[in-house]
Amino acid sequence: MELQLTREAVARLNNLAARTHRSTDELLQEAIDHLITYNQWIEQKVKRSMASVELGNTVAEEEVRIWVESRERT
């Protein structure tokens, strides 16, 4: 697999590697692991939300609008 990064990304990666005394390969692997874990988490959240909607567990639009407006005032 080939990974193409911008010059800026390479510079930032090298800088982080130097500051943390880690290899760029190690940092990239960690970033990929975090991305995969995050995407799996999001996928599960969406599936649970869709199942909840199918069961009719929703909030009326007006209730959401009132809640949002109250949050904006504080």
Protein backbone atom coordinates (compact mmCIF):
# COMPACT_ATOMS: atom_id res chain seq x y z
CA MET A 1 0.00 0.00 0.00
CA GLU A 2 1.25 3.45 -0.84
CA LEU A 3 0.38 6.53 1.20
CA GLN A 4 0.71 9.97 -0.32
CA LEU A 5 0.98 12.90 2.06
CA THR A 6 1.31 16.60 1.40
CA ARG A 7 4.61 18.25 2.23
CA GLU A 8 2.92 20.03 5.11
CA ALA A 9 1.59 16.75 6.51
CA VAL A 10 5.04 15.14 6.22
CA ALA A 11 6.63 18.09 7.98
CA ARG A 12 4.05 17.99 10.78
CA LEU A 13 4.46 14.22 11.12
CA ASN A 14 8.24 14.47 11.27
CA ASN A 15 7.97 17.26 13.82
CA LEU A 16 5.66 15.20 16.02
CA ALA A 17 7.91 12.17 15.70
CA ALA A 18 10.91 14.20 16.78
CA ARG A 19 9.08 15.79 19.71
CA THR A 20 7.71 12.47 20.97
CA HIS A 21 10.77 10.34 20.18
CA ARG A 22 8.66 7.97 18.10
CA SER A 23 8.95 6.78 14.53
CA THR A 24 6.71 8.14 11.80
CA ASP A 25 5.60 4.56 11.08
CA GLU A 26 4.51 4.17 14.70
CA LEU A 27 2.57 7.44 14.60
CA LEU A 28 0.88 6.57 11.32
CA GLN A 29 -0.12 3.13 12.61
CA GLU A 30 -1.57 4.68 15.75
CA ALA A 31 -3.48 7.26 13.69
CA ILE A 32 -4.91 4.55 11.44
CA ASP A 33 -5.90 2.43 14.44
CA HIS A 34 -7.69 5.44 16.00
CA LEU A 35 -9.46 6.21 12.71
CA ILE A 36 -10.70 2.64 12.34
CA THR A 37 -11.86 2.49 15.96
CA TYR A 38 -13.65 5.84 15.63
CA ASN A 39 -15.39 4.78 12.43
CA GLN A 40 -16.53 1.52 14.01
CA TRP A 41 -17.91 3.50 16.97
CA ILE A 42 -19.78 5.90 14.65
CA GLU A 43 -21.17 2.99 12.64
CA GLN A 44 -22.55 1.37 15.81
CA LYS A 45 -24.07 4.67 16.97
CA VAL A 46 -25.82 5.12 13.62
CA LYS A 47 -27.13 1.54 13.64
CA ARG A 48 -28.52 1.96 17.18
CA SER A 49 -30.07 5.29 16.24
CA MET A 50 -31.70 3.85 13.12
CA ALA A 51 -33.09 0.94 15.15
CA SER A 52 -34.46 3.39 17.70
CA VAL A 53 -36.16 5.42 14.97
CA GLU A 54 -37.68 2.25 13.51
CA LEU A 55 -39.18 1.56 16.94
CA GLY A 56 -40.67 5.05 16.96
CA ASN A 57 -38.37 6.46 19.62
CA THR A 58 -38.10 10.00 18.30
CA VAL A 59 -38.41 13.55 19.56
CA ALA A 60 -40.79 16.00 17.93
CA GLU A 61 -39.16 18.74 15.84
CA GLU A 62 -40.76 21.45 17.97
CA GLU A 63 -39.25 19.97 21.15
CA VAL A 64 -35.81 19.92 19.54
CA ARG A 65 -36.18 23.54 18.38
CA ILE A 66 -37.15 24.67 21.89
CA TRP A 67 -34.22 22.77 23.40
CA VAL A 68 -31.74 24.26 20.89
CA GLU A 69 -33.04 27.77 21.46
CA SER A 70 -32.76 27.38 25.23
CA ARG A 71 -29.15 26.20 24.86
CA GLU A 72 -28.33 29.19 22.65
CA ARG A 73 -29.55 31.62 25.30
CA THR A 74 -27.20 30.25 27.98
